[in-house]
């Protein structure tokens, strides 16, 4: 966690809602990306990732007094759990199940955790040293931010390949493109993302 984020977290603990709002804003792109992945798996065309993140922020404001962690990994995990609960509520709504399903929520939390780890790995140069990979693996939020200037087609291929674990053939079918063009988009997108990510560090 950056010094700024740490101080915001500590200040938010005093009950300052505006400070909590500034802290949460640092995670908007990260949570929106994770929400988009889960929507693609379960709720395609039914909900909007930005709307889900807004719900997460409202719940985070409401329940922040119950948050007991002191460090970024705990805070980010807490936000992912809120996102999982929000997604589970949407699934119940659209698929007609009324009772809360803890197994579904745990499954979504596991999916979100997996996507978060995969996100951290996108910008890691496979030829870098183990210590460099660990350092970059800790920059998940910066990877989510670095995605923003990458062209949409590149982003789509990267998300489908690395976070939804689709094959190039499946991505080509989803995007209505040839496998060759998808592979080229993936390579160019990954190169640009790593370059953008490197500049953001």
N, C-alpha and C. Protein backbone atom coordinates (compact mmCIF):
# COMPACT_ATOMS: atom_id res chain seq x y z
N UNK A 1 0.85 -1.18 0.00
CA UNK A 1 0.00 0.00 0.00
C UNK A 1 0.89 1.23 0.00
N UNK A 2 0.54 2.24 -0.80
CA UNK A 2 1.32 3.46 -0.81
C UNK A 2 1.10 4.20 0.50
N UNK A 3 2.03 5.13 0.79
CA UNK A 3 1.89 5.93 2.00
C UNK A 3 0.58 6.69 1.98
N UNK A 4 0.22 7.21 0.79
CA UNK A 4 -1.02 7.96 0.64
C UNK A 4 -2.23 7.08 0.98
N UNK A 5 -2.25 5.86 0.43
CA UNK A 5 -3.36 4.95 0.71
C UNK A 5 -3.42 4.57 2.18
N UNK A 6 -2.26 4.32 2.76
CA UNK A 6 -2.21 3.96 4.18
C UNK A 6 -2.76 5.08 5.05
N UNK A 7 -2.36 6.32 4.73
CA UNK A 7 -2.84 7.45 5.54
C UNK A 7 -4.34 7.66 5.32
N UNK A 8 -4.83 7.43 4.08
CA UNK A 8 -6.26 7.54 3.83
C UNK A 8 -7.04 6.49 4.62
N UNK A 9 -6.50 5.27 4.67
CA UNK A 9 -7.16 4.20 5.42
C UNK A 9 -7.24 4.55 6.90
N UNK A 10 -6.13 5.05 7.44
CA UNK A 10 -6.12 5.41 8.86
C UNK A 10 -7.05 6.59 9.14
N UNK A 11 -7.05 7.56 8.22
CA UNK A 11 -7.91 8.73 8.40
C UNK A 11 -9.38 8.35 8.28
N UNK A 12 -9.68 7.43 7.36
CA UNK A 12 -11.07 6.98 7.18
C UNK A 12 -11.59 6.31 8.44
N UNK A 13 -10.68 5.72 9.21
CA UNK A 13 -11.09 5.03 10.44
C UNK A 13 -11.64 6.00 11.48
N UNK A 14 -11.33 7.28 11.32
CA UNK A 14 -11.85 8.28 12.27
C UNK A 14 -13.30 8.64 11.97
N UNK A 15 -13.85 8.05 10.90
CA UNK A 15 -15.24 8.32 10.54
C UNK A 15 -15.40 9.35 9.45
N UNK A 16 -14.31 9.71 8.80
CA UNK A 16 -14.36 10.71 7.73
C UNK A 16 -14.82 10.05 6.43
N UNK A 17 -16.10 10.25 6.08
CA UNK A 17 -16.67 9.63 4.89
C UNK A 17 -16.04 10.10 3.60
N UNK A 18 -15.67 11.38 3.53
CA UNK A 18 -15.05 11.92 2.32
C UNK A 18 -13.69 11.25 2.06
N UNK A 19 -12.95 11.01 3.13
CA UNK A 19 -11.65 10.34 2.99
C UNK A 19 -11.84 8.90 2.52
N UNK A 20 -12.84 8.22 3.07
CA UNK A 20 -13.13 6.86 2.62
C UNK A 20 -13.49 6.87 1.14
N UNK A 21 -14.24 7.86 0.71
CA UNK A 21 -14.59 7.98 -0.71
C UNK A 21 -13.35 8.12 -1.58
N UNK A 22 -12.38 8.95 -1.14
CA UNK A 22 -11.14 9.10 -1.91
C UNK A 22 -10.35 7.80 -1.94
N UNK A 23 -10.36 7.07 -0.83
CA UNK A 23 -9.66 5.78 -0.77
C UNK A 23 -10.30 4.79 -1.73
N UNK A 24 -11.62 4.70 -1.72
CA UNK A 24 -12.32 3.75 -2.58
C UNK A 24 -12.08 4.05 -4.06
N UNK A 25 -11.99 5.33 -4.41
CA UNK A 25 -11.78 5.71 -5.81
C UNK A 25 -10.51 5.06 -6.38
N UNK A 26 -9.52 4.82 -5.53
CA UNK A 26 -8.27 4.20 -5.99
C UNK A 26 -8.49 2.77 -6.48
N UNK A 27 -9.63 2.16 -6.12
CA UNK A 27 -9.90 0.77 -6.47
C UNK A 27 -11.00 0.64 -7.53
N UNK A 28 -11.50 1.77 -8.05
CA UNK A 28 -12.62 1.71 -8.99
C UNK A 28 -12.30 0.88 -10.23
N UNK A 29 -11.20 1.19 -10.92
CA UNK A 29 -10.87 0.46 -12.15
C UNK A 29 -10.60 -1.03 -11.88
N UNK A 30 -9.96 -1.29 -10.78
CA UNK A 30 -9.66 -2.69 -10.38
C UNK A 30 -10.96 -3.48 -10.18
N UNK A 31 -11.88 -2.92 -9.39
CA UNK A 31 -13.13 -3.61 -9.11
C UNK A 31 -14.00 -3.71 -10.36
N UNK A 32 -13.97 -2.68 -11.20
CA UNK A 32 -14.77 -2.70 -12.42
C UNK A 32 -14.28 -3.81 -13.36
N UNK A 33 -12.96 -3.98 -13.42
CA UNK A 33 -12.42 -5.05 -14.26
C UNK A 33 -12.83 -6.42 -13.73
N UNK A 34 -12.71 -6.63 -12.42
CA UNK A 34 -13.11 -7.92 -11.84
C UNK A 34 -14.61 -8.16 -12.05
N UNK A 35 -15.41 -7.10 -11.88
CA UNK A 35 -16.86 -7.24 -12.09
C UNK A 35 -17.16 -7.60 -13.53
N UNK A 36 -16.44 -6.96 -14.46
CA UNK A 36 -16.67 -7.24 -15.89
C UNK A 36 -16.40 -8.71 -16.20
N UNK A 37 -15.37 -9.26 -15.61
CA UNK A 37 -15.03 -10.67 -15.85
C UNK A 37 -16.15 -11.57 -15.35
N UNK A 38 -16.62 -11.33 -14.13
CA UNK A 38 -17.69 -12.16 -13.57
C UNK A 38 -19.01 -11.99 -14.33
N UNK A 39 -19.28 -10.77 -14.78
CA UNK A 39 -20.49 -10.54 -15.58
C UNK A 39 -20.41 -11.37 -16.85
N UNK A 40 -19.23 -11.41 -17.47
CA UNK A 40 -19.05 -12.21 -18.69
C UNK A 40 -19.29 -13.69 -18.46
N UNK A 41 -18.98 -14.15 -17.26
CA UNK A 41 -19.16 -15.57 -16.95
C UNK A 41 -20.61 -15.92 -16.62
N UNK A 42 -21.32 -15.00 -15.97
CA UNK A 42 -22.62 -15.36 -15.41
C UNK A 42 -23.77 -14.43 -15.76
N UNK A 43 -23.49 -13.17 -16.08
CA UNK A 43 -24.56 -12.18 -16.20
C UNK A 43 -24.44 -11.33 -17.46
N UNK A 44 -23.88 -11.88 -18.53
CA UNK A 44 -23.65 -11.13 -19.76
C UNK A 44 -24.93 -10.44 -20.24
N UNK A 45 -24.84 -9.13 -20.45
CA UNK A 45 -25.96 -8.38 -20.98
C UNK A 45 -27.03 -8.01 -19.96
N UNK A 46 -26.85 -8.41 -18.72
CA UNK A 46 -27.88 -8.16 -17.71
C UNK A 46 -27.53 -7.03 -16.76
N UNK A 47 -26.26 -6.87 -16.44
CA UNK A 47 -25.85 -5.82 -15.50
C UNK A 47 -24.62 -5.10 -16.02
N UNK A 48 -24.40 -3.91 -15.48
CA UNK A 48 -23.26 -3.08 -15.89
C UNK A 48 -22.21 -3.07 -14.78
N UNK A 49 -20.95 -3.26 -15.17
CA UNK A 49 -19.87 -3.34 -14.18
C UNK A 49 -19.77 -2.06 -13.34
N UNK A 50 -19.94 -0.90 -13.97
CA UNK A 50 -19.83 0.36 -13.23
C UNK A 50 -20.94 0.48 -12.18
N UNK A 51 -22.13 0.01 -12.53
CA UNK A 51 -23.24 0.04 -11.56
C UNK A 51 -22.95 -0.87 -10.37
N UNK A 52 -22.36 -2.05 -10.65
CA UNK A 52 -22.02 -2.97 -9.57
C UNK A 52 -20.99 -2.34 -8.63
N UNK A 53 -19.99 -1.69 -9.22
CA UNK A 53 -18.95 -1.07 -8.39
C UNK A 53 -19.55 0.03 -7.52
N UNK A 54 -20.52 0.78 -8.07
CA UNK A 54 -21.17 1.82 -7.27
C UNK A 54 -21.88 1.19 -6.08
N UNK A 55 -22.53 0.04 -6.29
CA UNK A 55 -23.18 -0.66 -5.18
C UNK A 55 -22.15 -1.11 -4.14
N UNK A 56 -21.00 -1.59 -4.62
CA UNK A 56 -19.93 -2.01 -3.70
C UNK A 56 -19.48 -0.82 -2.85
N UNK A 57 -19.32 0.35 -3.48
CA UNK A 57 -18.90 1.53 -2.75
C UNK A 57 -19.93 1.94 -1.69
N UNK A 58 -21.22 1.85 -2.04
CA UNK A 58 -22.26 2.18 -1.08
C UNK A 58 -22.20 1.25 0.13
N UNK A 59 -22.03 -0.06 -0.15
CA UNK A 59 -21.92 -1.03 0.96
C UNK A 59 -20.64 -0.82 1.76
N UNK A 60 -19.56 -0.47 1.07
CA UNK A 60 -18.30 -0.23 1.77
C UNK A 60 -18.45 0.94 2.74
N UNK A 61 -19.13 2.00 2.32
CA UNK A 61 -19.40 3.13 3.21
C UNK A 61 -20.25 2.69 4.39
N UNK A 62 -21.27 1.88 4.10
CA UNK A 62 -22.20 1.44 5.15
C UNK A 62 -21.52 0.55 6.18
N UNK A 63 -20.66 -0.36 5.70
CA UNK A 63 -20.10 -1.38 6.59
C UNK A 63 -18.65 -1.14 7.00
N UNK A 64 -18.07 0.00 6.59
CA UNK A 64 -16.67 0.25 6.92
C UNK A 64 -16.38 0.19 8.42
N UNK A 65 -17.29 0.62 9.28
CA UNK A 65 -17.02 0.51 10.72
C UNK A 65 -16.77 -0.93 11.18
N UNK A 66 -17.23 -1.92 10.40
CA UNK A 66 -17.01 -3.33 10.79
C UNK A 66 -15.69 -3.88 10.24
N UNK A 67 -15.01 -3.12 9.36
CA UNK A 67 -13.74 -3.59 8.79
C UNK A 67 -12.65 -3.53 9.85
N UNK A 68 -11.98 -4.66 10.09
CA UNK A 68 -10.99 -4.73 11.17
C UNK A 68 -9.54 -4.78 10.68
N UNK A 69 -9.33 -4.84 9.38
CA UNK A 69 -7.97 -4.94 8.86
C UNK A 69 -7.21 -3.63 8.96
N UNK A 70 -5.90 -3.72 8.71
CA UNK A 70 -5.06 -2.52 8.79
C UNK A 70 -4.17 -2.34 7.57
N UNK A 71 -4.17 -3.31 6.65
CA UNK A 71 -3.26 -3.25 5.50
C UNK A 71 -4.02 -3.46 4.20
N UNK A 72 -3.40 -3.07 3.09
CA UNK A 72 -4.06 -3.13 1.78
C UNK A 72 -4.58 -4.51 1.41
N UNK A 73 -3.80 -5.60 1.57
CA UNK A 73 -4.35 -6.91 1.18
C UNK A 73 -5.67 -7.23 1.88
N UNK A 74 -5.77 -6.85 3.15
CA UNK A 74 -7.01 -7.10 3.89
C UNK A 74 -8.14 -6.23 3.36
N UNK A 75 -7.84 -4.98 3.06
CA UNK A 75 -8.86 -4.07 2.56
C UNK A 75 -9.35 -4.50 1.18
N UNK A 76 -8.41 -4.88 0.32
CA UNK A 76 -8.77 -5.30 -1.03
C UNK A 76 -9.58 -6.60 -0.98
N UNK A 77 -9.20 -7.52 -0.11
CA UNK A 77 -9.96 -8.77 0.05
C UNK A 77 -11.38 -8.46 0.53
N UNK A 78 -11.50 -7.53 1.45
CA UNK A 78 -12.81 -7.11 1.97
C UNK A 78 -13.67 -6.56 0.84
N UNK A 79 -13.07 -5.72 -0.01
CA UNK A 79 -13.82 -5.16 -1.15
C UNK A 79 -14.24 -6.26 -2.12
N UNK A 80 -13.35 -7.25 -2.35
CA UNK A 80 -13.71 -8.36 -3.24
C UNK A 80 -14.87 -9.17 -2.65
N UNK A 81 -14.89 -9.33 -1.33
CA UNK A 81 -16.00 -10.06 -0.70
C UNK A 81 -17.32 -9.30 -0.85
N UNK A 82 -17.26 -7.97 -0.73
CA UNK A 82 -18.47 -7.17 -0.95
C UNK A 82 -18.93 -7.31 -2.40
N UNK A 83 -17.97 -7.26 -3.33
CA UNK A 83 -18.30 -7.43 -4.75
C UNK A 83 -18.93 -8.80 -4.99
N UNK A 84 -18.39 -9.83 -4.35
CA UNK A 84 -18.94 -11.18 -4.51
C UNK A 84 -20.39 -11.23 -4.03
N UNK A 85 -20.67 -10.61 -2.89
CA UNK A 85 -22.03 -10.58 -2.38
C UNK A 85 -22.97 -9.83 -3.31
N UNK A 86 -22.48 -8.73 -3.88
CA UNK A 86 -23.28 -7.94 -4.83
C UNK A 86 -23.58 -8.76 -6.08
N UNK A 87 -22.57 -9.46 -6.59
CA UNK A 87 -22.77 -10.32 -7.76
C UNK A 87 -23.75 -11.45 -7.46
N UNK A 88 -23.61 -12.05 -6.29
CA UNK A 88 -24.51 -13.15 -5.92
C UNK A 88 -25.96 -12.66 -5.85
N UNK A 89 -26.16 -11.44 -5.34
CA UNK A 89 -27.50 -10.86 -5.29
C UNK A 89 -28.08 -10.70 -6.70
N UNK A 90 -27.23 -10.27 -7.64
CA UNK A 90 -27.69 -10.10 -9.02
C UNK A 90 -28.04 -11.45 -9.65
N UNK A 91 -27.22 -12.45 -9.36
CA UNK A 91 -27.50 -13.79 -9.91
C UNK A 91 -28.83 -14.30 -9.37
N UNK A 92 -29.07 -14.13 -8.08
CA UNK A 92 -30.35 -14.54 -7.50
C UNK A 92 -31.52 -13.80 -8.16
N UNK A 93 -31.30 -12.54 -8.38
CA UNK A 93 -32.36 -11.71 -8.99
C UNK A 93 -32.71 -12.19 -10.40
N UNK A 94 -31.69 -12.46 -11.21
CA UNK A 94 -31.94 -12.81 -12.60
C UNK A 94 -32.27 -14.28 -12.83
N UNK A 95 -31.91 -15.12 -11.86
CA UNK A 95 -32.18 -16.54 -12.05
C UNK A 95 -33.23 -17.07 -11.09
N UNK A 96 -33.92 -16.15 -10.40
CA UNK A 96 -35.11 -16.50 -9.65
C UNK A 96 -34.91 -17.29 -8.38
N UNK A 97 -33.74 -17.21 -7.77
CA UNK A 97 -33.55 -17.89 -6.48
C UNK A 97 -33.57 -16.82 -5.39
N UNK A 98 -34.35 -17.06 -4.36
CA UNK A 98 -34.53 -16.05 -3.32
C UNK A 98 -33.57 -16.21 -2.14
N UNK A 99 -33.30 -17.45 -1.77
CA UNK A 99 -32.49 -17.69 -0.56
C UNK A 99 -31.03 -17.35 -0.82
N UNK A 100 -30.36 -16.84 0.20
CA UNK A 100 -28.93 -16.56 0.10
C UNK A 100 -28.18 -17.87 0.00
N UNK A 101 -27.21 -17.93 -0.92
CA UNK A 101 -26.44 -19.15 -1.17
C UNK A 101 -24.98 -18.87 -0.83
N UNK A 102 -24.56 -19.32 0.36
CA UNK A 102 -23.18 -19.05 0.78
C UNK A 102 -22.16 -19.76 -0.11
N UNK A 103 -22.53 -20.93 -0.65
CA UNK A 103 -21.61 -21.63 -1.56
C UNK A 103 -21.37 -20.81 -2.82
N UNK A 104 -22.44 -20.18 -3.33
CA UNK A 104 -22.30 -19.34 -4.51
C UNK A 104 -21.38 -18.16 -4.21
N UNK A 105 -21.58 -17.52 -3.06
CA UNK A 105 -20.74 -16.38 -2.71
C UNK A 105 -19.27 -16.79 -2.55
N UNK A 106 -19.03 -17.95 -1.93
CA UNK A 106 -17.65 -18.43 -1.78
C UNK A 106 -17.03 -18.75 -3.14
N UNK A 107 -17.84 -19.30 -4.03
CA UNK A 107 -17.36 -19.61 -5.38
C UNK A 107 -16.98 -18.33 -6.13
N UNK A 108 -17.81 -17.28 -5.97
CA UNK A 108 -17.51 -16.01 -6.64
C UNK A 108 -16.27 -15.37 -6.03
N UNK A 109 -16.13 -15.44 -4.70
CA UNK A 109 -14.92 -14.91 -4.06
C UNK A 109 -13.68 -15.61 -4.62
N UNK A 110 -13.75 -16.94 -4.75
CA UNK A 110 -12.62 -17.70 -5.30
C UNK A 110 -12.33 -17.28 -6.73
N UNK A 111 -13.38 -17.07 -7.54
CA UNK A 111 -13.20 -16.60 -8.91
C UNK A 111 -12.53 -15.24 -8.94
N UNK A 112 -12.99 -14.34 -8.08
CA UNK A 112 -12.42 -12.99 -8.03
C UNK A 112 -10.96 -13.02 -7.58
N UNK A 113 -10.66 -13.87 -6.59
CA UNK A 113 -9.27 -14.01 -6.13
C UNK A 113 -8.38 -14.51 -7.27
N UNK A 114 -8.89 -15.51 -8.00
CA UNK A 114 -8.13 -16.08 -9.13
C UNK A 114 -7.90 -15.00 -10.19
N UNK A 115 -8.94 -14.23 -10.51
CA UNK A 115 -8.80 -13.18 -11.52
C UNK A 115 -7.82 -12.11 -11.07
N UNK A 116 -7.82 -11.80 -9.77
CA UNK A 116 -6.91 -10.79 -9.25
C UNK A 116 -5.45 -11.24 -9.38
N UNK A 117 -5.20 -12.53 -9.07
CA UNK A 117 -3.85 -13.08 -9.22
C UNK A 117 -3.43 -13.07 -10.69
N UNK A 118 -4.36 -13.47 -11.57
CA UNK A 118 -4.07 -13.49 -13.01
C UNK A 118 -3.79 -12.08 -13.51
N UNK A 119 -4.53 -11.10 -13.00
CA UNK A 119 -4.33 -9.71 -13.40
C UNK A 119 -2.92 -9.25 -13.05
N UNK A 120 -2.46 -9.62 -11.87
CA UNK A 120 -1.10 -9.23 -11.45
C UNK A 120 -0.07 -9.82 -12.37
N UNK A 121 -0.34 -11.03 -12.90
CA UNK A 121 0.64 -11.70 -13.75
C UNK A 121 0.72 -11.21 -15.17
N UNK A 122 -0.28 -10.44 -15.62
CA UNK A 122 -0.31 -10.01 -17.02
C UNK A 122 0.92 -9.21 -17.39
N UNK A 123 1.32 -8.29 -16.53
CA UNK A 123 2.42 -7.38 -16.88
C UNK A 123 3.78 -7.92 -16.50
N UNK A 124 3.84 -9.14 -16.00
CA UNK A 124 5.12 -9.71 -15.59
C UNK A 124 5.84 -10.26 -16.82
N UNK A 125 7.03 -9.79 -17.05
CA UNK A 125 7.86 -10.33 -18.13
C UNK A 125 8.30 -11.72 -17.72
N UNK A 126 7.97 -12.76 -18.54
CA UNK A 126 8.32 -14.12 -18.14
C UNK A 126 9.82 -14.35 -18.01
N UNK A 127 10.63 -13.43 -18.56
CA UNK A 127 12.08 -13.58 -18.48
C UNK A 127 12.69 -12.79 -17.33
N UNK A 128 11.83 -12.13 -16.52
CA UNK A 128 12.35 -11.36 -15.40
C UNK A 128 12.74 -12.30 -14.26
N UNK A 129 13.52 -11.77 -13.34
CA UNK A 129 13.99 -12.58 -12.21
C UNK A 129 12.83 -12.85 -11.26
N UNK A 130 12.95 -13.89 -10.41
CA UNK A 130 11.88 -14.17 -9.44
C UNK A 130 11.54 -12.98 -8.55
N UNK A 131 12.58 -12.23 -8.13
CA UNK A 131 12.30 -11.08 -7.25
C UNK A 131 11.55 -9.99 -8.01
N UNK A 132 11.88 -9.79 -9.29
CA UNK A 132 11.16 -8.80 -10.10
C UNK A 132 9.72 -9.24 -10.30
N UNK A 133 9.50 -10.55 -10.50
CA UNK A 133 8.14 -11.05 -10.69
C UNK A 133 7.32 -10.87 -9.42
N UNK A 134 7.93 -11.10 -8.26
CA UNK A 134 7.21 -10.89 -7.00
C UNK A 134 6.84 -9.42 -6.86
N UNK A 135 7.80 -8.53 -7.15
CA UNK A 135 7.55 -7.11 -7.02
C UNK A 135 6.41 -6.69 -7.94
N UNK A 136 6.43 -7.16 -9.20
CA UNK A 136 5.37 -6.79 -10.13
C UNK A 136 4.05 -7.47 -9.77
N UNK A 137 4.15 -8.67 -9.19
CA UNK A 137 2.94 -9.35 -8.78
C UNK A 137 2.17 -8.59 -7.72
N UNK A 138 2.85 -7.67 -7.03
CA UNK A 138 2.21 -6.87 -5.99
C UNK A 138 1.56 -5.62 -6.56
N UNK A 139 1.65 -5.42 -7.88
CA UNK A 139 1.17 -4.18 -8.49
C UNK A 139 -0.17 -4.37 -9.23
N UNK A 140 -1.01 -5.26 -8.72
CA UNK A 140 -2.28 -5.57 -9.38
C UNK A 140 -3.10 -4.33 -9.69
N UNK A 141 -3.20 -3.42 -8.75
CA UNK A 141 -4.02 -2.23 -8.96
C UNK A 141 -3.45 -1.36 -10.07
N UNK A 142 -2.11 -1.29 -10.14
CA UNK A 142 -1.50 -0.49 -11.19
C UNK A 142 -1.73 -1.11 -12.56
N UNK A 143 -1.79 -2.43 -12.63
CA UNK A 143 -2.09 -3.07 -13.90
C UNK A 143 -3.50 -2.69 -14.36
N UNK A 144 -4.45 -2.69 -13.43
CA UNK A 144 -5.82 -2.31 -13.77
C UNK A 144 -5.86 -0.87 -14.28
N UNK A 145 -5.08 0.01 -13.67
CA UNK A 145 -5.01 1.40 -14.14
C UNK A 145 -4.34 1.48 -15.51
N UNK A 146 -3.28 0.71 -15.70
CA UNK A 146 -2.52 0.77 -16.94
C UNK A 146 -3.33 0.29 -18.14
N UNK A 147 -4.35 -0.54 -17.90
CA UNK A 147 -5.20 -1.03 -18.98
C UNK A 147 -5.95 0.11 -19.67
N UNK A 148 -6.24 1.17 -18.95
CA UNK A 148 -7.13 2.22 -19.45
C UNK A 148 -6.74 2.78 -20.82
N UNK A 149 -5.45 3.14 -21.06
CA UNK A 149 -5.13 3.71 -22.36
C UNK A 149 -4.93 2.68 -23.48
N UNK A 150 -4.99 1.39 -23.15
CA UNK A 150 -4.81 0.35 -24.17
C UNK A 150 -6.09 0.25 -25.01
N UNK A 151 -6.00 0.21 -26.36
CA UNK A 151 -7.19 0.15 -27.21
C UNK A 151 -8.14 -0.98 -26.81
N UNK A 152 -9.47 -0.74 -26.97
CA UNK A 152 -10.48 -1.71 -26.51
C UNK A 152 -10.31 -3.14 -27.04
N UNK A 153 -9.98 -3.30 -28.32
CA UNK A 153 -9.81 -4.66 -28.86
C UNK A 153 -8.66 -5.38 -28.16
N UNK A 154 -7.58 -4.66 -27.89
CA UNK A 154 -6.45 -5.26 -27.18
C UNK A 154 -6.89 -5.68 -25.77
N UNK A 155 -7.62 -4.76 -25.10
CA UNK A 155 -8.08 -5.06 -23.74
C UNK A 155 -8.95 -6.31 -23.72
N UNK A 156 -9.85 -6.40 -24.70
CA UNK A 156 -10.77 -7.54 -24.76
C UNK A 156 -10.02 -8.85 -24.89
N UNK A 157 -9.04 -8.89 -25.80
CA UNK A 157 -8.27 -10.12 -26.00
C UNK A 157 -7.51 -10.48 -24.73
N UNK A 158 -6.90 -9.50 -24.10
CA UNK A 158 -6.12 -9.75 -22.88
C UNK A 158 -7.01 -10.29 -21.77
N UNK A 159 -8.18 -9.67 -21.59
CA UNK A 159 -9.10 -10.12 -20.55
C UNK A 159 -9.58 -11.54 -20.83
N UNK A 160 -9.98 -11.81 -22.08
CA UNK A 160 -10.50 -13.14 -22.41
C UNK A 160 -9.41 -14.21 -22.28
N UNK A 161 -8.19 -13.86 -22.67
CA UNK A 161 -7.10 -14.84 -22.65
C UNK A 161 -6.57 -15.08 -21.24
N UNK A 162 -6.29 -14.00 -20.52
CA UNK A 162 -5.60 -14.14 -19.23
C UNK A 162 -6.53 -14.26 -18.04
N UNK A 163 -7.70 -13.65 -18.13
CA UNK A 163 -8.58 -13.63 -16.97
C UNK A 163 -9.77 -14.57 -17.11
N UNK A 164 -10.18 -14.85 -18.35
CA UNK A 164 -11.24 -15.83 -18.55
C UNK A 164 -10.69 -17.16 -19.05
N UNK A 165 -9.38 -17.20 -19.32
CA UNK A 165 -8.67 -18.43 -19.71
C UNK A 165 -9.25 -19.08 -20.96
N UNK A 166 -9.71 -18.26 -21.92
CA UNK A 166 -10.20 -18.82 -23.18
C UNK A 166 -9.04 -19.11 -24.12
N UNK A 167 -9.22 -20.08 -25.01
CA UNK A 167 -8.22 -20.36 -26.04
C UNK A 167 -8.34 -19.28 -27.12
N UNK A 168 -7.31 -19.19 -27.97
CA UNK A 168 -7.37 -18.21 -29.06
C UNK A 168 -8.54 -18.52 -30.00
N UNK A 169 -8.82 -19.80 -30.20
CA UNK A 169 -9.95 -20.18 -31.06
C UNK A 169 -11.28 -19.71 -30.45
N UNK A 170 -11.42 -19.85 -29.14
CA UNK A 170 -12.65 -19.40 -28.47
C UNK A 170 -12.78 -17.88 -28.52
N UNK A 171 -11.63 -17.19 -28.35
CA UNK A 171 -11.64 -15.73 -28.42
C UNK A 171 -12.01 -15.28 -29.82
N UNK A 172 -11.46 -15.95 -30.83
CA UNK A 172 -11.76 -15.60 -32.22
C UNK A 172 -13.25 -15.74 -32.50
N UNK A 173 -13.84 -16.79 -31.97
CA UNK A 173 -15.28 -16.99 -32.15
C UNK A 173 -16.08 -15.91 -31.43
N UNK A 174 -15.67 -15.58 -30.20
CA UNK A 174 -16.37 -14.56 -29.41
C UNK A 174 -16.29 -13.19 -30.10
N UNK A 175 -15.12 -12.89 -30.69
CA UNK A 175 -14.91 -11.57 -31.29
C UNK A 175 -15.21 -11.53 -32.78
N UNK A 176 -15.58 -12.69 -33.35
CA UNK A 176 -15.86 -12.79 -34.78
C UNK A 176 -14.66 -12.36 -35.61
N UNK A 177 -13.50 -12.91 -35.26
CA UNK A 177 -12.25 -12.63 -35.97
C UNK A 177 -11.54 -13.94 -36.25
N UNK A 178 -10.48 -13.87 -37.06
CA UNK A 178 -9.68 -15.08 -37.31
C UNK A 178 -8.76 -15.32 -36.12
N UNK A 179 -8.33 -16.56 -35.95
CA UNK A 179 -7.41 -16.90 -34.87
C UNK A 179 -6.11 -16.11 -35.02
N UNK A 180 -5.63 -15.99 -36.25
CA UNK A 180 -4.38 -15.27 -36.51
C UNK A 180 -4.49 -13.81 -36.07
N UNK A 181 -5.61 -13.15 -36.41
CA UNK A 181 -5.76 -11.74 -36.03
C UNK A 181 -5.86 -11.59 -34.52
N UNK A 182 -6.51 -12.55 -33.86
CA UNK A 182 -6.63 -12.51 -32.41
C UNK A 182 -5.25 -12.67 -31.75
N UNK A 183 -4.45 -13.58 -32.27
CA UNK A 183 -3.10 -13.78 -31.71
C UNK A 183 -2.27 -12.51 -31.87
N UNK A 184 -2.42 -11.83 -33.01
CA UNK A 184 -1.67 -10.59 -33.23
C UNK A 184 -2.16 -9.49 -32.29
N UNK A 185 -3.47 -9.39 -32.12
CA UNK A 185 -4.02 -8.41 -31.17
C UNK A 185 -3.49 -8.66 -29.77
N UNK A 186 -3.47 -9.95 -29.38
CA UNK A 186 -3.00 -10.31 -28.05
C UNK A 186 -1.54 -9.90 -27.85
N UNK A 187 -0.70 -10.21 -28.83
CA UNK A 187 0.72 -9.89 -28.71
C UNK A 187 0.94 -8.38 -28.64
N UNK A 188 0.28 -7.65 -29.52
CA UNK A 188 0.43 -6.18 -29.52
C UNK A 188 -0.12 -5.58 -28.23
N UNK A 189 -1.28 -6.08 -27.81
CA UNK A 189 -1.90 -5.56 -26.60
C UNK A 189 -1.05 -5.81 -25.37
N UNK A 190 -0.49 -7.02 -25.28
CA UNK A 190 0.35 -7.35 -24.13
C UNK A 190 1.61 -6.49 -24.11
N UNK A 191 2.20 -6.28 -25.29
CA UNK A 191 3.39 -5.44 -25.39
C UNK A 191 3.07 -4.01 -24.95
N UNK A 192 1.94 -3.48 -25.43
CA UNK A 192 1.57 -2.11 -25.07
C UNK A 192 1.23 -2.01 -23.59
N UNK A 193 0.53 -3.01 -23.06
CA UNK A 193 0.18 -2.99 -21.64
C UNK A 193 1.44 -3.00 -20.78
N UNK A 194 2.39 -3.84 -21.12
CA UNK A 194 3.63 -3.91 -20.34
C UNK A 194 4.41 -2.60 -20.42
N UNK A 195 4.38 -1.99 -21.60
CA UNK A 195 5.07 -0.72 -21.76
C UNK A 195 4.37 0.36 -20.92
N UNK A 196 3.03 0.40 -20.99
CA UNK A 196 2.27 1.37 -20.21
C UNK A 196 2.45 1.12 -18.72
N UNK A 197 2.39 -0.16 -18.33
CA UNK A 197 2.55 -0.54 -16.94
C UNK A 197 3.92 -0.14 -16.42
N UNK A 198 4.95 -0.38 -17.25
CA UNK A 198 6.31 -0.03 -16.85
C UNK A 198 6.45 1.45 -16.60
N UNK A 199 5.76 2.24 -17.42
CA UNK A 199 5.82 3.69 -17.25
C UNK A 199 5.07 4.18 -16.03
N UNK A 200 4.15 3.33 -15.54
CA UNK A 200 3.33 3.76 -14.41
C UNK A 200 4.02 3.49 -13.07
N UNK A 201 5.06 2.69 -13.10
CA UNK A 201 5.72 2.34 -11.83
C UNK A 201 6.61 3.46 -11.32
